[in-house]
Amino acid sequence: MLPLVQREYKGPPGRQCKAHLADGSGDRCINSTMHGQLVCYNHGGANARARAAGARRVAEAEARELLNAVLEDAPPMRSVGDVYEDLLSVAGVARTWRELLQKRVAQLEEYGYNTERAGEQLRSDVALFERALDRSAKIGEAMARLNLDERRQALDERVAGQLAAAIRLILEDLDLTPEQQKRAAVVAPRRIRELSSV
């Protein structure tokens, strides 16, 4: 009986087919996976489902890279102290994601979809964009149901009222002249507006 020949994978790192050989050795297949897939051509990578799943994985990975690049340029995240601010932040990320995918779908020709898997790639990109639209719509509906803008405005007005009352009490304690009190009544609200717009 001839000894079994030990075979090794020599392809790109992380791209070895996950399937095992049917020769009874239990060794892993030494072929490289198909683009975006976990298996090689011989182990099912050529069927339509596997190609669709591969195209979807590739589209999601590319879109995630784009989003990460945009978020790296964004200002650093703060701690979650204000639930309203957090929801607005999530809405902003969802909108950025949707806009990135919208540009991607609009420029499909520029990505060079001229291979046999072009149809699957196009469908995957469009599916990602549709999901992003749905998520943006759901976040928008949640914000509308919670009436966040009005609640936020009421909260801001309450805080501004408390701040104005505190300033009035401080000014009374300072024993200002009538002229200084008039000037303070004009300057204090202006300064508060300036600070709130920063």
Protein backbone atom coordinates (compact mmCIF):
# COMPACT_ATOMS: atom_id res chain seq x y z
CA MET A 1 0.00 0.00 0.00
CA LEU A 2 1.33 3.45 -0.97
CA PRO A 3 1.69 6.08 1.77
CA LEU A 4 -0.77 9.00 1.66
CA VAL A 5 0.69 12.15 0.16
CA GLN A 6 0.43 15.07 2.58
CA ARG A 7 -1.04 18.07 0.78
CA GLU A 8 -0.83 21.68 1.97
CA TYR A 9 -2.84 24.78 1.24
CA LYS A 10 -0.72 27.34 -0.60
CA GLY A 11 -3.26 30.06 -1.38
CA PRO A 12 -3.92 33.47 0.20
CA PRO A 13 -4.16 33.52 4.02
CA GLY A 14 -7.68 33.11 5.37
CA ARG A 15 -9.06 31.90 2.04
CA GLN A 16 -8.74 28.10 2.45
CA CYS A 17 -11.91 26.15 1.66
CA LYS A 18 -13.72 25.07 4.85
CA ALA A 19 -14.86 21.73 3.40
CA HIS A 20 -13.09 18.43 4.10
CA LEU A 21 -11.91 15.91 1.54
CA ALA A 22 -14.15 12.94 0.77
CA ASP A 23 -11.18 10.50 0.62
CA GLY A 24 -11.60 9.46 4.24
CA SER A 25 -8.46 11.25 5.44
CA GLY A 26 -10.41 14.01 7.20
CA ASP A 27 -8.04 16.59 5.70
CA ARG A 28 -9.30 20.00 4.74
CA CYS A 29 -9.66 20.91 1.08
CA ILE A 30 -6.52 22.65 -0.22
CA ASN A 31 -8.36 24.91 -2.70
CA SER A 32 -9.00 28.62 -2.18
CA THR A 33 -12.53 29.84 -1.51
CA MET A 34 -14.53 31.62 -4.16
CA HIS A 35 -14.87 35.41 -3.81
CA GLY A 36 -16.83 36.24 -0.64
CA GLN A 37 -17.53 32.59 0.14
CA LEU A 38 -16.42 29.93 2.61
CA VAL A 39 -15.94 27.09 0.09
CA CYS A 40 -14.24 26.47 -3.25
CA TYR A 41 -15.83 25.81 -6.64
CA ASN A 42 -15.72 22.02 -6.12
CA HIS A 43 -17.45 22.15 -2.73
CA GLY A 44 -20.55 24.11 -3.73
CA GLY A 45 -19.20 27.60 -4.34
CA ALA A 46 -20.53 27.59 -7.89
CA ASN A 47 -24.22 27.18 -7.04
CA ALA A 48 -26.53 30.18 -7.22
CA ARG A 49 -27.25 30.38 -3.48
CA ALA A 50 -23.57 30.32 -2.55
CA ARG A 51 -22.78 33.01 -5.13
CA ALA A 52 -25.63 35.21 -3.84
CA ALA A 53 -24.44 34.78 -0.24
CA GLY A 54 -20.87 35.60 -1.29
CA ALA A 55 -21.94 38.73 -3.14
CA ARG A 56 -23.96 39.82 -0.11
CA ARG A 57 -20.98 39.32 2.21
CA VAL A 58 -18.72 41.33 -0.10
CA ALA A 59 -21.25 44.17 -0.43
CA GLU A 60 -21.79 44.32 3.34
CA ALA A 61 -18.04 44.32 4.03
CA GLU A 62 -17.39 47.12 1.52
CA ALA A 63 -20.28 49.21 2.81
CA ARG A 64 -19.12 48.67 6.41
CA GLU A 65 -15.64 49.89 5.46
CA LEU A 66 -17.16 53.03 3.92
CA LEU A 67 -19.23 53.69 7.04
CA ASN A 68 -16.23 53.14 9.34
CA ALA A 69 -14.19 55.60 7.26
CA VAL A 70 -16.93 58.25 7.61
CA LEU A 71 -17.38 57.61 11.34
CA GLU A 72 -13.62 57.93 11.94
CA ASP A 73 -13.89 61.56 10.82
CA ALA A 74 -16.90 62.18 13.07
CA PRO A 75 -16.48 63.83 16.48
CA PRO A 76 -15.88 61.41 19.39
CA MET A 77 -18.94 59.85 21.01
CA ARG A 78 -19.97 61.09 24.44
CA SER A 79 -21.31 59.01 27.29
CA VAL A 80 -25.02 58.22 27.10
CA GLY A 81 -26.42 60.77 29.48
CA ASP A 82 -29.24 62.07 27.34
CA VAL A 83 -31.48 59.46 25.73
CA TYR A 84 -32.78 62.01 23.23
CA GLU A 85 -29.27 62.89 22.11
CA ASP A 86 -28.46 59.19 21.80
CA LEU A 87 -31.50 58.53 19.60
CA LEU A 88 -30.62 61.54 17.46
CA SER A 89 -27.09 60.16 17.13
CA VAL A 90 -28.43 56.76 16.03
CA ALA A 91 -30.65 58.51 13.51
CA GLY A 92 -27.61 60.40 12.20
CA VAL A 93 -25.60 57.19 11.76
CA ALA A 94 -28.56 55.52 10.01
CA ARG A 95 -28.86 58.50 7.68
CA THR A 96 -25.12 58.47 6.91
CA TRP A 97 -25.30 54.71 6.20
CA ARG A 98 -28.32 55.23 3.93
CA GLU A 99 -26.63 58.07 2.05
CA LEU A 100 -23.46 56.01 1.52
CA LEU A 101 -25.47 53.11 0.14
CA GLN A 102 -27.55 55.46 -1.99
CA LYS A 103 -24.37 56.82 -3.60
CA ARG A 104 -23.10 53.28 -4.06
CA VAL A 105 -26.28 52.17 -5.82
CA ALA A 106 -26.28 55.34 -7.95
CA GLN A 107 -22.70 54.69 -9.08
CA LEU A 108 -22.92 50.94 -9.69
CA GLU A 109 -21.29 51.24 -13.10
CA GLU A 110 -18.18 52.87 -11.61
CA TYR A 111 -17.52 49.83 -9.41
CA GLY A 112 -16.75 47.72 -12.48
CA TYR A 113 -19.52 45.14 -12.31
CA ASN A 114 -18.45 43.42 -15.51
CA THR A 115 -17.89 39.88 -14.25
CA GLU A 116 -20.20 36.89 -14.14
CA ARG A 117 -21.17 37.67 -10.53
CA ALA A 118 -22.29 41.20 -11.47
CA GLY A 119 -25.99 40.39 -11.10
CA GLU A 120 -25.55 39.05 -7.56
CA GLN A 121 -23.42 42.06 -6.56
CA LEU A 122 -26.00 44.49 -7.92
CA ARG A 123 -28.84 42.72 -6.10
CA SER A 124 -26.81 42.70 -2.86
CA ASP A 125 -26.05 46.42 -3.04
CA VAL A 126 -29.68 47.28 -3.76
CA ALA A 127 -30.85 44.98 -0.92
CA LEU A 128 -28.48 46.72 1.53
CA PHE A 129 -29.78 50.12 0.42
CA GLU A 130 -33.41 49.00 0.84
CA ARG A 131 -32.65 47.73 4.36
CA ALA A 132 -31.00 51.07 5.21
CA LEU A 133 -34.10 52.91 3.97
CA ASP A 134 -36.33 50.72 6.14
CA ARG A 135 -34.17 51.28 9.23
CA SER A 136 -34.09 55.05 8.67
CA ALA A 137 -37.87 55.06 8.30
CA LYS A 138 -38.32 53.06 11.53
CA ILE A 139 -36.05 55.41 13.48
CA GLY A 140 -37.94 58.39 12.04
CA GLU A 141 -41.27 56.85 13.05
CA ALA A 142 -39.98 56.19 16.57
CA MET A 143 -38.81 59.78 16.89
CA ALA A 144 -42.14 61.07 15.60
CA ARG A 145 -44.07 58.88 18.06
CA LEU A 146 -41.93 60.05 20.95
CA ASN A 147 -42.41 63.69 19.90
CA LEU A 148 -38.75 64.30 20.67
CA ASP A 149 -38.43 67.76 19.18
CA GLU A 150 -41.27 69.20 21.25
CA ARG A 151 -40.08 67.44 24.41
CA ARG A 152 -36.55 68.69 23.82
CA GLN A 153 -37.78 72.23 23.23
CA ALA A 154 -39.91 72.12 26.41
CA LEU A 155 -36.90 70.86 28.36
CA ASP A 156 -34.67 73.59 26.91
CA GLU A 157 -37.28 76.25 27.75
CA ARG A 158 -37.58 74.95 31.32
CA VAL A 159 -33.80 74.98 31.77
CA ALA A 160 -33.59 78.47 30.24
CA GLY A 161 -36.35 79.68 32.60
CA GLN A 162 -34.53 78.29 35.63
CA LEU A 163 -31.28 79.85 34.46
CA ALA A 164 -32.93 83.25 33.92
CA ALA A 165 -34.49 83.11 37.40
CA ALA A 166 -31.11 82.26 38.91
CA ILE A 167 -29.47 85.18 37.09
CA ARG A 168 -32.20 87.58 38.28
CA LEU A 169 -31.66 86.49 41.89
CA ILE A 170 -27.89 86.91 41.54
CA LEU A 171 -28.29 90.39 40.04
CA GLU A 172 -30.62 91.42 42.90
CA ASP A 173 -28.00 90.28 45.43
CA LEU A 174 -25.35 92.45 43.77
CA ASP A 175 -27.10 95.76 44.62
CA LEU A 176 -26.69 97.15 41.10
CA THR A 177 -27.72 100.65 40.13
CA PRO A 178 -30.92 100.96 38.06
CA GLU A 179 -28.80 101.62 34.95
CA GLN A 180 -26.68 98.50 35.57
CA GLN A 181 -29.83 96.42 36.13
CA LYS A 182 -31.23 97.54 32.74
CA ARG A 183 -27.95 96.71 31.04
CA ALA A 184 -27.80 93.29 32.76
CA ALA A 185 -31.38 92.54 31.61
CA VAL A 186 -30.21 92.99 28.01
CA VAL A 187 -26.75 91.40 28.22
CA ALA A 188 -27.63 88.24 30.22
CA PRO A 189 -30.23 86.81 27.78
CA ARG A 190 -27.93 87.58 24.82
CA ARG A 191 -25.04 85.72 26.46
CA ILE A 192 -27.31 82.73 27.24
CA ARG A 193 -28.42 82.58 23.58
CA GLU A 194 -24.78 82.72 22.45
CA LEU A 195 -23.85 79.84 24.75
CA SER A 196 -26.83 77.72 23.68
CA SER A 197 -25.91 78.09 20.00
CA VAL A 198 -22.37 76.75 20.52
